[in-house]
Protein backbone atom coordinates (compact mmCIF):
# COMPACT_ATOMS: atom_id res chain seq x y z
CA MET A 1 -0.16 -0.07 0.08
CA ALA A 2 2.83 2.24 0.94
CA THR A 3 4.43 1.65 -2.52
CA ARG A 4 1.35 2.40 -4.34
CA GLY A 5 0.65 5.80 -2.55
CA ALA A 6 4.27 6.73 -3.12
CA ALA A 7 3.76 5.98 -6.77
CA LEU A 8 0.58 8.05 -6.94
CA VAL A 9 2.28 10.86 -5.62
CA SER A 10 5.07 10.89 -8.02
CA ARG A 11 2.53 10.76 -10.83
CA ARG A 12 1.07 14.03 -9.67
CA GLN A 13 4.36 15.84 -9.05
CA VAL A 14 5.84 17.54 -11.68
CA HIS A 15 9.74 17.82 -11.66
CA GLY A 16 12.26 19.94 -13.17
CA SER A 17 11.66 22.11 -16.39
CA THR A 18 8.55 19.78 -17.30
CA ALA A 19 6.90 22.25 -14.47
CA LEU A 20 7.52 25.24 -16.74
CA HIS A 21 5.63 23.59 -19.74
CA ARG A 22 2.58 22.18 -17.80
CA ARG A 23 -0.71 23.36 -19.16
CA ARG A 24 -3.04 24.97 -16.69
CA ARG A 25 -6.83 24.38 -17.35
CA TRP A 26 -8.13 27.04 -18.85
CA ARG A 27 -11.16 28.48 -16.70
CA PRO A 28 -13.80 31.23 -18.00
CA SER A 29 -13.76 34.40 -15.94
CA ARG A 30 -16.55 35.92 -13.89
CA TYR A 31 -17.27 38.26 -16.50
CA VAL A 32 -17.27 35.66 -19.36
CA VAL A 33 -19.57 33.41 -17.74
CA PHE A 34 -22.26 36.29 -16.87
CA GLY A 35 -21.52 38.40 -19.98
CA GLY A 36 -22.09 35.01 -21.88
CA LEU A 37 -25.47 34.48 -19.93
CA PHE A 38 -26.39 38.19 -20.77
CA TRP A 39 -25.56 37.65 -24.28
CA ILE A 40 -27.96 34.66 -24.80
CA VAL A 41 -30.74 36.21 -22.68
CA MET A 42 -30.73 39.49 -24.41
CA SER A 43 -30.49 38.19 -27.88
CA LEU A 44 -33.69 36.15 -27.46
CA ALA A 45 -35.24 39.10 -25.75
CA PHE A 46 -34.17 41.37 -29.02
CA TRP A 47 -35.45 38.54 -31.36
CA ARG A 48 -38.82 38.38 -29.91
CA VAL A 49 -39.68 41.81 -30.28
CA PRO A 50 -41.23 42.78 -33.53
CA MET A 51 -39.90 45.44 -35.96
CA CYS A 52 -40.53 48.84 -34.54
CA CYS A 53 -38.93 52.23 -34.11
CA ASP A 54 -36.18 52.80 -36.38
CA PHE A 55 -35.80 49.03 -37.53
CA GLY A 56 -37.36 49.67 -40.86
CA GLN A 57 -35.09 52.76 -41.73
CA HIS A 58 -31.95 50.78 -41.15
CA ALA A 59 -33.30 47.65 -42.91
CA ALA A 60 -34.28 50.15 -45.81
CA VAL A 61 -30.75 51.25 -46.02
CA ILE A 62 -29.93 47.38 -46.65
CA GLU A 63 -32.39 47.26 -49.45
CA ARG A 64 -31.11 50.12 -51.33
CA LEU A 65 -27.23 48.83 -50.78
CA LYS A 66 -28.56 45.38 -51.91
CA SER A 67 -29.82 46.70 -55.21
CA ASP A 68 -27.00 49.32 -55.78
CA LEU A 69 -24.14 49.30 -53.66
CA LEU A 70 -22.01 51.65 -55.26
CA HIS A 71 -24.99 54.17 -55.75
CA PRO A 72 -27.56 53.58 -53.50
CA ARG A 73 -31.09 55.58 -53.65
CA HIS A 74 -32.36 57.46 -50.91
CA PRO A 75 -33.42 55.20 -48.03
CA MET A 76 -36.89 55.70 -47.93
CA ALA A 77 -37.95 57.56 -51.42
CA ASP A 78 -37.42 56.85 -54.74
CA LEU A 79 -34.73 59.87 -54.64
CA PRO A 80 -30.71 59.96 -55.54
CA GLY A 81 -29.16 59.01 -52.04
CA ALA A 82 -25.78 60.65 -52.54
CA GLY A 83 -24.90 62.39 -49.51
CA SER A 84 -26.93 60.15 -47.14
CA PRO A 85 -25.08 59.77 -43.54
CA TYR A 86 -26.79 56.51 -43.44
CA TYR A 87 -24.50 54.95 -45.92
CA SER A 88 -21.57 54.43 -43.37
CA PRO A 89 -18.98 51.60 -43.50
CA TYR A 90 -21.32 49.72 -41.07
CA ALA A 91 -24.05 49.77 -43.57
CA VAL A 92 -22.10 48.92 -46.37
CA ALA A 93 -20.75 45.75 -44.82
CA GLN A 94 -24.31 44.86 -44.23
CA GLY A 95 -25.18 45.44 -47.44
CA VAL A 96 -22.20 43.31 -48.99
CA PHE A 97 -23.69 40.46 -46.60
CA ALA A 98 -27.19 40.96 -47.95
CA ARG A 99 -26.19 40.69 -51.59
CA VAL A 100 -24.14 37.49 -51.07
CA THR A 101 -26.62 35.56 -48.74
CA GLY A 102 -29.93 37.02 -50.67
CA LEU A 103 -31.26 37.91 -47.18
CA ALA A 104 -33.75 40.71 -46.92
CA GLY A 105 -32.90 43.94 -45.16
CA TRP A 106 -35.04 43.37 -41.94
CA GLU A 107 -33.24 39.53 -41.88
CA VAL A 108 -29.85 41.18 -42.03
CA VAL A 109 -30.86 43.77 -39.07
CA LYS A 110 -32.16 40.89 -36.84
CA LEU A 111 -29.13 38.91 -37.44
CA ALA A 112 -26.88 42.09 -36.35
CA GLY A 113 -28.30 42.26 -32.84
CA PRO A 114 -26.45 39.75 -31.35
CA LEU A 115 -23.48 40.67 -33.43
CA ASN A 116 -23.27 44.24 -32.10
CA LEU A 117 -23.99 42.70 -28.58
CA LEU A 118 -21.15 40.78 -28.75
CA VAL A 119 -18.86 43.85 -29.74
CA LEU A 120 -20.47 45.89 -27.08
CA LEU A 121 -19.71 43.13 -24.26
CA THR A 122 -16.34 42.51 -25.39
CA GLY A 123 -15.47 45.95 -25.43
CA LEU A 124 -16.90 46.83 -22.19
CA GLY A 125 -14.73 43.93 -20.65
CA ARG A 126 -11.72 45.44 -22.19
CA PHE A 127 -12.68 48.94 -20.92
CA VAL A 128 -13.31 48.20 -17.59
CA LYS A 129 -10.03 46.15 -17.37
CA ALA A 130 -8.23 49.21 -18.63
CA LEU A 131 -9.58 50.89 -15.36
CA THR A 132 -9.09 47.91 -12.86
CA PRO A 133 -8.04 44.57 -12.29
CA ARG A 134 -10.72 43.74 -9.94
CA GLN A 135 -12.40 40.91 -11.14
CA TRP A 136 -16.31 41.61 -10.43
CA ALA A 137 -15.91 45.06 -11.73
CA PRO A 138 -16.92 44.22 -15.37
CA VAL A 139 -19.75 42.02 -14.28
CA LEU A 140 -21.20 44.74 -12.00
CA ALA A 141 -20.43 47.64 -14.79
CA LEU A 142 -22.63 45.50 -17.16
CA PHE A 143 -25.74 45.36 -14.67
CA ALA A 144 -25.05 48.59 -13.66
CA MET A 145 -25.26 49.91 -17.05
CA VAL A 146 -28.17 48.56 -18.34
CA VAL A 147 -30.41 48.88 -15.04
CA LEU A 148 -29.29 52.21 -13.34
CA TRP A 149 -30.98 54.57 -15.46
CA GLY A 150 -34.35 55.99 -14.03
CA THR A 151 -38.09 55.10 -13.83
CA ARG A 152 -39.05 56.72 -16.87
CA MET A 153 -38.47 55.09 -20.21
CA ALA A 154 -35.67 56.49 -22.04
CA TRP A 155 -35.87 54.93 -25.89
CA TRP A 156 -33.53 56.08 -28.13
CA SER A 157 -30.55 54.38 -30.00
CA GLY A 158 -27.54 54.70 -27.84
CA TYR A 159 -29.67 54.22 -24.58
CA LEU A 160 -28.61 50.96 -23.52
CA GLY A 161 -31.25 50.08 -20.74
CA LEU A 162 -32.55 46.72 -20.61
CA MET A 163 -35.81 47.68 -22.45
CA SER A 164 -34.29 50.19 -25.25
CA MET A 165 -31.89 47.53 -25.98
CA THR A 166 -34.57 45.20 -27.23
CA GLY A 167 -35.28 47.70 -29.68
CA ASN A 168 -32.02 49.18 -30.58
CA LEU A 169 -29.57 46.41 -30.02
CA ALA A 170 -29.23 46.01 -33.89
CA TYR A 171 -28.71 49.75 -34.80
CA PRO A 172 -25.39 51.43 -35.78
CA SER A 173 -25.27 53.25 -32.16
CA THR A 174 -24.93 49.85 -30.53
CA PHE A 175 -22.28 48.84 -32.71
CA ALA A 176 -20.36 52.15 -32.59
CA ILE A 177 -20.76 52.23 -28.79
CA GLY A 178 -19.00 48.95 -28.42
CA LEU A 179 -16.26 50.30 -30.76
CA ALA A 180 -16.25 53.23 -28.35
CA PHE A 181 -15.48 50.73 -25.25
CA TRP A 182 -12.77 49.23 -27.66
CA ALA A 183 -11.17 52.72 -28.23
CA TRP A 184 -11.38 53.59 -24.73
CA SER A 185 -9.50 50.55 -23.76
CA LEU A 186 -6.70 51.19 -26.09
CA ALA A 187 -6.65 54.73 -25.22
CA GLY A 188 -6.41 53.87 -21.66
CA HIS A 189 -3.22 51.58 -22.20
CA LEU A 190 -1.64 54.07 -24.30
CA ALA A 191 -1.98 56.51 -21.86
CA SER A 192 -0.79 54.38 -18.98
CA ALA A 193 2.37 52.87 -21.08
CA PRO A 194 4.13 54.51 -24.21
CA ARG A 195 3.53 52.87 -27.27
CA SER A 196 4.82 53.31 -30.81
CA GLY A 197 2.93 55.74 -32.74
CA TRP A 198 1.76 52.98 -35.03
CA ALA A 199 -0.62 52.14 -31.98
CA HIS A 200 -1.85 55.81 -31.82
CA VAL A 201 -2.46 55.62 -35.63
CA GLY A 202 -4.60 52.58 -35.13
CA LEU A 203 -6.64 54.44 -32.23
CA GLY A 204 -7.03 57.32 -34.66
CA ALA A 205 -8.25 54.77 -37.54
CA LEU A 206 -11.00 53.33 -35.00
CA CYS A 207 -11.99 56.71 -33.75
CA GLY A 208 -12.90 57.55 -37.60
CA VAL A 209 -14.83 54.50 -38.13
CA ILE A 210 -16.66 55.31 -35.18
CA LEU A 211 -17.43 58.93 -36.58
CA LEU A 212 -18.41 57.22 -39.72
CA VAL A 213 -20.75 54.56 -38.08
CA HIS A 214 -22.26 57.05 -35.89
CA PRO A 215 -21.40 60.31 -35.78
CA ILE A 216 -23.33 61.73 -32.68
CA SER A 217 -21.80 58.94 -30.73
CA SER A 218 -18.25 59.41 -31.95
CA VAL A 219 -18.64 62.97 -29.99
CA ALA A 220 -18.70 60.86 -26.39
CA ALA A 221 -16.00 58.23 -27.90
CA VAL A 222 -13.37 61.22 -28.94
CA ILE A 223 -14.34 62.66 -25.44
CA GLY A 224 -13.40 59.45 -23.86
CA VAL A 225 -10.21 59.18 -25.74
CA VAL A 226 -9.26 62.90 -24.55
CA ALA A 227 -10.02 62.12 -21.19
CA PHE A 228 -7.54 59.26 -21.21
CA ALA A 229 -5.09 61.28 -23.04
CA ALA A 230 -5.02 64.20 -20.20
CA SER A 231 -4.90 61.39 -17.54
CA SER A 232 -1.61 60.20 -18.63
CA ARG A 233 1.26 61.03 -16.28
CA ARG A 234 3.21 62.93 -18.59
CA PRO A 235 0.30 64.27 -21.16
CA PHE A 236 2.26 66.68 -22.85
CA ALA A 237 5.80 64.23 -23.62
CA GLY A 238 3.76 62.09 -26.39
CA LEU A 239 1.65 65.11 -27.49
CA TRP A 240 2.54 64.34 -31.32
CA LYS A 241 1.42 60.66 -30.82
CA TRP A 242 -1.88 61.73 -30.04
CA ALA A 243 -2.04 64.55 -32.42
CA ALA A 244 -1.59 61.60 -34.92
CA THR A 245 -4.28 59.76 -33.56
CA ALA A 246 -6.65 62.89 -34.39
CA ALA A 247 -5.03 63.26 -37.77
CA THR A 248 -5.68 59.44 -38.86
CA ALA A 249 -9.26 60.14 -37.24
CA ALA A 250 -10.05 62.83 -39.49
CA ALA A 251 -8.26 61.06 -42.50
CA VAL A 252 -10.48 57.91 -42.32
CA ALA A 253 -13.33 60.21 -41.95
CA ALA A 254 -12.87 62.08 -44.95
CA SER A 255 -11.84 59.20 -47.30
CA TRP A 256 -15.04 57.89 -46.93
CA PRO A 257 -16.77 57.84 -50.57
CA TYR A 258 -20.60 57.81 -49.53
CA TYR A 259 -21.04 60.86 -47.41
CA SER A 260 -19.03 63.82 -45.98
CA VAL A 261 -19.28 63.35 -42.25
CA PHE A 262 -18.04 67.08 -41.64
CA SER A 263 -20.91 68.28 -43.51
CA LEU A 264 -23.17 67.28 -40.69
CA VAL A 265 -21.38 69.87 -38.48
CA GLY A 266 -23.82 72.59 -37.69
CA ASP A 267 -26.67 70.45 -39.34
CA GLU A 268 -30.00 71.36 -37.58
CA SER A 269 -32.55 69.33 -39.60
CA VAL A 270 -33.09 67.14 -36.71
CA ASP A 271 -32.66 69.05 -33.74
CA TRP A 272 -36.33 69.56 -33.20
CA ILE A 273 -36.69 65.92 -32.93
CA HIS A 274 -34.14 65.68 -29.98
CA ARG A 275 -35.55 68.25 -27.94
CA GLN A 276 -37.64 65.98 -25.91
CA LEU A 277 -34.28 64.69 -24.83
CA TYR A 278 -34.08 67.34 -22.28
CA THR A 279 -37.45 66.81 -20.85
CA GLU A 280 -38.32 64.95 -17.98
CA MET A 281 -34.24 64.32 -17.24
CA PRO A 282 -34.28 63.76 -13.61
CA GLN A 283 -37.12 60.79 -14.26
CA ARG A 284 -35.24 59.44 -16.89
CA PHE A 285 -31.52 59.28 -15.30
CA TRP A 286 -32.01 59.72 -11.50
CA LEU A 287 -30.58 56.44 -10.46
CA ALA A 288 -27.39 56.64 -12.41
CA LEU A 289 -26.72 59.40 -9.57
CA ILE A 290 -26.33 56.78 -7.18
CA GLY A 291 -22.54 56.47 -8.64
CA LEU A 292 -22.03 60.10 -8.25
CA PRO A 293 -20.13 59.57 -4.72
CA ALA A 294 -18.13 56.80 -6.14
CA LEU A 295 -17.16 59.32 -9.36
CA ALA A 296 -16.26 62.31 -6.59
CA LEU A 297 -14.05 59.62 -4.81
CA ARG A 298 -12.13 58.67 -7.93
CA PHE A 299 -11.79 62.66 -8.42
CA ARG A 300 -10.36 63.45 -5.18
CA LYS A 301 -7.83 60.63 -5.32
CA ASN A 302 -6.83 61.53 -8.57
CA ARG A 303 -7.87 65.03 -10.06
CA ARG A 304 -6.84 63.56 -13.78
CA ASP A 305 -9.32 60.60 -13.13
CA PRO A 306 -10.47 59.77 -16.67
CA LEU A 307 -14.34 58.59 -15.64
CA ALA A 308 -14.22 62.00 -13.97
CA LEU A 309 -12.88 63.96 -16.76
CA MET A 310 -15.17 62.13 -18.97
CA PHE A 311 -18.11 62.97 -17.08
CA ALA A 312 -17.22 66.55 -16.97
CA LEU A 313 -16.86 66.84 -20.36
CA ASP A 314 -19.76 65.06 -21.17
CA CYS A 315 -22.10 67.18 -19.37
CA ALA A 316 -20.32 70.44 -20.83
CA VAL A 317 -21.37 69.13 -24.21
CA VAL A 318 -25.06 68.36 -23.24
CA ALA A 319 -25.14 71.60 -21.45
CA TYR A 320 -24.22 73.17 -24.99
CA GLY A 321 -26.77 71.39 -26.86
CA TRP A 322 -29.45 72.78 -24.55
CA LEU A 323 -28.05 76.30 -24.50
CA SER A 324 -27.43 76.62 -28.14
CA GLY A 325 -30.55 74.72 -29.32
CA HIS A 326 -28.47 72.08 -31.16
CA TYR A 327 -30.60 69.57 -28.95
CA THR A 328 -28.87 66.73 -31.14
CA TYR A 329 -26.17 66.54 -28.53
CA GLY A 330 -28.48 65.51 -26.32
CA ARG A 331 -28.02 62.07 -27.74
CA ILE A 332 -24.79 61.41 -25.70
CA LEU A 333 -26.94 61.59 -22.44
CA GLY A 334 -26.76 57.49 -22.63
CA LEU A 335 -22.77 57.49 -22.75
CA THR A 336 -22.79 60.50 -20.23
CA LEU A 337 -24.01 57.90 -17.57
CA VAL A 338 -21.43 55.54 -18.41
CA PRO A 339 -18.76 57.30 -15.82
CA LEU A 340 -21.39 57.09 -13.21
CA GLN A 341 -22.38 53.74 -13.68
CA PHE A 342 -18.58 52.08 -14.00
CA ALA A 343 -17.46 54.25 -11.17
CA LEU A 344 -19.74 52.79 -9.08
CA ALA A 345 -19.17 49.26 -10.05
CA ILE A 346 -15.54 49.68 -9.45
CA GLU A 347 -15.95 50.79 -6.11
CA LEU A 348 -18.39 47.92 -5.35
CA ALA A 349 -15.76 45.48 -6.73
CA ALA A 350 -13.43 46.31 -3.95
CA PRO A 351 -12.36 43.36 -1.70
CA ARG A 352 -13.95 42.70 1.57
CA PRO A 353 -13.93 43.69 4.47
CA TRP A 354 -15.84 46.73 3.70
CA ARG A 355 -15.92 50.06 5.44
CA ARG A 356 -19.45 51.11 6.70
CA TRP A 357 -19.75 53.85 3.97
CA ARG A 358 -19.11 51.15 1.19
CA MET A 359 -21.85 48.93 2.68
CA ALA A 360 -24.26 51.77 2.76
CA LEU A 361 -23.48 52.39 -0.74
CA GLY A 362 -23.76 48.70 -2.04
CA GLY A 363 -27.11 49.03 -0.24
CA VAL A 364 -28.33 52.10 -1.96
CA ALA A 365 -27.30 50.47 -5.18
CA ALA A 366 -29.01 47.21 -4.86
CA THR A 367 -32.11 49.28 -3.78
CA GLY A 368 -31.80 51.24 -6.94
CA ALA A 369 -31.20 48.31 -9.25
CA ALA A 370 -34.64 46.76 -7.81
CA ILE A 371 -36.34 49.88 -8.38
CA GLY A 372 -34.79 50.28 -12.06
CA PHE A 373 -35.62 46.69 -12.79
CA PHE A 374 -39.04 46.21 -11.75
CA THR A 375 -40.43 49.52 -12.47
CA LEU A 376 -39.01 50.00 -16.08
CA GLN A 377 -36.82 47.38 -17.19
CA ALA A 378 -38.01 43.86 -16.24
CA GLY A 379 -40.50 43.44 -19.11
CA ALA A 380 -37.57 43.27 -21.41
CA VAL A 381 -36.38 39.69 -20.32
CA VAL A 382 -39.84 38.41 -18.54
CA PRO A 383 -42.04 37.42 -21.62
CA ARG A 384 -45.67 38.43 -21.02
CA ALA A 385 -46.51 34.52 -20.82
CA LEU A 386 -44.41 34.09 -17.53
CA ASP A 387 -45.03 37.48 -16.04
CA PRO A 388 -47.02 37.30 -13.04
CA VAL A 389 -47.18 41.16 -12.30
CA GLY A 390 -47.70 42.81 -15.57
CA PHE A 391 -44.32 44.84 -16.12
CA ASP A 392 -44.26 47.30 -19.10
CA GLN A 393 -43.49 45.18 -22.18
CA PRO A 394 -41.41 46.49 -25.38
CA PRO A 395 -43.58 47.95 -27.99
CA ARG A 396 -45.29 45.17 -30.49
CA TRP A 397 -45.94 47.25 -33.70
CA PRO A 398 -48.30 45.50 -36.16
CA GLY A 399 -46.47 44.24 -38.96
CA TYR A 400 -47.16 44.71 -42.77
CA GLY A 401 -46.55 41.81 -44.60
CA TRP A 402 -49.88 41.75 -45.72
CA ALA A 403 -49.22 45.19 -47.66
CA VAL A 404 -45.75 44.31 -49.14
CA SER A 405 -47.01 40.75 -50.40
CA GLN A 406 -48.77 42.90 -52.83
CA MET A 407 -45.91 45.27 -53.83
CA ARG A 408 -43.11 45.10 -55.87
CA LYS A 409 -39.76 46.57 -54.84
CA GLY A 410 -39.28 50.08 -55.85
CA ASP A 411 -43.39 50.95 -55.90
CA VAL A 412 -44.05 54.12 -54.37
CA VAL A 413 -46.45 54.19 -51.54
CA LEU A 414 -48.60 57.03 -50.38
CA THR A 415 -49.33 57.20 -46.84
CA ASN A 416 -49.07 59.37 -43.73
CA GLY A 417 -49.24 56.73 -41.07
CA TYR A 418 -46.95 56.38 -38.21
CA TYR A 419 -46.19 52.91 -38.33
CA PRO A 420 -46.27 52.36 -42.08
CA THR A 421 -43.70 55.39 -42.84
CA ARG A 422 -41.59 53.72 -40.51
CA SER A 423 -42.05 50.05 -41.63
CA ILE A 424 -42.97 49.71 -45.47
CA PRO A 425 -39.43 50.97 -46.61
CA ALA A 426 -37.79 48.07 -45.00
CA TYR A 427 -39.12 45.67 -47.65
CA GLY A 428 -38.07 47.86 -50.43
CA ALA A 429 -41.00 50.07 -51.19
CA ASN A 430 -40.57 53.86 -51.56
CA LEU A 431 -42.48 56.66 -49.66
CA VAL A 432 -43.60 59.98 -51.46
CA ALA A 433 -42.48 61.73 -48.50
CA PRO A 434 -39.57 60.16 -45.96
CA ALA A 435 -40.46 60.12 -42.21
CA TRP A 436 -37.10 61.29 -41.24
CA PRO A 437 -34.84 64.10 -42.54
CA ASP A 438 -31.78 63.14 -44.42
CA ALA A 439 -28.87 65.14 -45.41
CA SER A 440 -29.15 63.73 -49.01
CA LEU A 441 -32.49 65.15 -49.64
CA ALA A 442 -33.13 69.32 -48.79
CA GLU A 443 -35.23 69.57 -45.89
CA ASP A 444 -37.36 71.95 -47.73
CA THR A 445 -38.21 69.28 -50.50
CA ARG A 446 -39.00 66.93 -47.69
CA ASN A 447 -41.58 69.39 -46.11
CA HIS A 448 -43.05 70.12 -49.67
CA ARG A 449 -43.69 66.48 -50.30
CA LEU A 450 -45.15 65.92 -46.75
CA GLN A 451 -47.63 68.85 -47.90
CA GLU A 452 -48.36 66.98 -50.97
CA VAL A 453 -49.37 63.99 -48.94
CA ARG A 454 -51.63 66.06 -46.84
CA ASP A 455 -53.02 67.70 -49.64
CA TYR A 456 -53.92 64.08 -51.60
CA LEU A 457 -55.41 62.75 -48.18
CA SER A 458 -57.42 65.92 -47.56
CA PRO A 459 -61.29 65.06 -47.84
CA GLU A 460 -61.45 68.44 -49.84
CA SER A 461 -59.16 67.26 -52.57
CA THR A 462 -60.31 67.13 -55.88
CA ARG A 463 -59.97 64.26 -58.47
CA ALA A 464 -57.47 66.59 -60.65
CA GLU A 465 -55.49 67.30 -57.93
CA ARG A 466 -54.97 63.79 -56.89
CA LYS A 467 -53.87 62.96 -60.30
CA ARG A 468 -51.66 65.54 -60.45
CA ILE A 469 -49.50 64.31 -57.21
CA VAL A 470 -49.89 60.65 -58.30
CA ARG A 471 -48.30 61.57 -61.90
CA ARG A 472 -45.76 63.71 -60.25
CA TYR A 473 -44.59 60.88 -57.72
CA ASP A 474 -45.26 58.02 -59.74
CA VAL A 475 -47.45 56.63 -56.94
CA ARG A 476 -48.62 53.10 -57.06
CA TRP A 477 -50.38 52.47 -53.58
CA LEU A 478 -52.35 54.13 -51.03
CA LEU A 479 -52.12 52.98 -47.40
CA LEU A 480 -54.55 54.47 -45.42
CA SER A 481 -55.93 54.48 -41.94
CA PRO A 482 -59.50 53.19 -41.28
CA ASP A 483 -60.91 56.81 -40.76
CA GLN A 484 -59.40 57.93 -43.95
CA LYS A 485 -61.51 58.64 -47.15
CA VAL A 486 -60.79 56.10 -49.74
CA PRO A 487 -60.91 57.95 -53.09
CA SER A 488 -63.33 56.46 -55.71
CA GLU A 489 -60.51 56.03 -58.68
CA VAL A 490 -58.41 53.50 -56.59
CA VAL A 491 -58.95 50.16 -56.16
CA VAL A 492 -58.60 48.25 -52.52
CA VAL A 493 -57.11 45.28 -52.37
CA ALA A 494 -56.39 44.25 -48.67
CA TRP A 495 -57.02 45.25 -45.18
CA GLY A 496 -54.70 45.15 -42.36
CA PRO A 497 -55.58 42.18 -40.07
CA ARG A 498 -54.69 44.05 -36.88
CA THR A 499 -54.97 47.76 -37.76
CA GLY A 500 -57.91 47.77 -40.16
CA GLU A 501 -55.80 49.97 -42.58
CA VAL A 502 -56.49 49.75 -46.21
CA LEU A 503 -54.35 49.04 -49.10
CA ALA A 504 -55.53 50.49 -52.53
CA ARG A 505 -53.94 50.04 -55.96
CA VAL A 506 -53.77 53.55 -57.79
CA GLY A 507 -54.93 53.76 -61.57
CA GLY A 508 -58.31 51.84 -61.69
CA GLY A 509 -61.88 53.15 -61.37
CA HIS A 510 -63.29 50.33 -59.60
CA THR A 511 -64.53 50.00 -55.78
CA SER A 512 -63.43 46.88 -53.64
CA ARG A 513 -67.40 45.59 -54.59
CA SER A 514 -66.57 45.37 -58.20
CA SER A 515 -63.11 44.12 -57.66
CA GLY A 516 -63.99 41.30 -55.61
CA HIS A 517 -62.52 42.21 -52.37
CA THR A 518 -64.29 41.92 -48.95
CA SER A 519 -63.54 43.70 -45.72
CA PRO A 520 -61.92 41.75 -42.96
CA SER A 521 -65.52 41.08 -41.56
CA GLY A 522 -66.31 39.22 -44.40
CA GLY A 523 -68.73 41.65 -46.07
CA ASP A 524 -68.46 43.93 -48.96
CA ARG A 525 -67.46 47.46 -47.89
CA ASN A 526 -68.29 50.72 -50.00
CA THR A 527 -64.77 52.15 -50.32
CA ASN A 528 -65.99 55.49 -51.46
CA GLN A 529 -67.19 56.41 -47.92
CA PRO A 530 -65.15 57.69 -44.92
CA LYS A 531 -64.14 54.87 -42.30
CA THR A 532 -64.56 54.94 -38.63
CA PRO A 533 -62.62 53.33 -36.31
């Protein structure tokens, strides 16, 4: 027995140089485990939400690139698309993928959600590791980022609460924020340890790509890089390298052939849309302020702390947006919260034993996370079928497969409905009047087209006026709400099963009764009379 035991011990021991080459068993880090679980849950949550909000716009961009990769048309109208900022490197890559695979634009957008989330999660992990070696910090940062917002919905692209992620996970803004985390990680390493100039050039190229993919998110991304550059021990020693970073970013952005990102500076066409970002700010973001003591502590220890500098500069840009009327700068509010959320996470990842003030901060953070999750965010990951409470759920817009099945790609649709103007172009159809401003189309022209749509749909419009508008814009279809009057010269071909909307073909002189179509209730409908809800 003694001999056998000694043999077992000898087999377990590794002697001499062999010990240096012994392979360690790989074990996933805490962040890999929790981040992987989050990726699975959030991808499924995103996939279960139907097309809504800006989803149709981004799917339409892919459809236009799929049709003509080098000279795509306007994303939503039968107009030239030269100069549209939607044609970014991100969108062009999606367009190439759609052409190679034959997938529809909306299918590519759906597939992009998990990919964007992967870029976001890996970037977050690298960024937090550049700030601290604490193992739990990336995990806590992730959950703080998606829960600690407020108790009123903030549903915008670039806002990464759980609920808003179910809608905007596949948008370019999410991909750009993931790249921004990677850029901040690289900037942190360059600020802490001198590297060759080529590393700074690589950082500049990454910033240039972010600028092209989502210009407004790039403002916050550049602020983060500046904060890390200023936090270095000798910020002026390697000034020429940081200048090379800026020059490379500008060169990459300027070389993009589809649109000029610098032409967007001072553009006021979308400021009116973003004014609401500044309303009810306390209700939308107050839970993130729980991280303010942790951020203040970092600033007290180091007056050039990158998170503190980042937060101060972000707040200055947001304030400028409010004071100047350029409300579009409010779009960086989502990233303005990151220093607060991450500073809190890093502080609570400190090893035990904790002091009383840290225990109190942890209790407040846990309470805030519970409030944020159960009052606003829970419905994102808890399906209605499994929901015992009745949490608010993500929006479920009606689908328009019933309408687009009648159309050909490129057909022009006249409608002013909120849902169809944002969904129909996703399938390759065109609108008379685009729903959103676009640099490739003068805003005066878009407003004129919107007025033409209103004139056509007015109950006082004459047949001659309607005929003029149809000829001018080559209108093929009408998509009307149930309470809008159907002109006598069109043919009704389908009704929306959920909304009761009316799809009519332009160019015929028969009603649905003569064309053999019936209403959803099964009876014939007089299409020449106004409809009531």
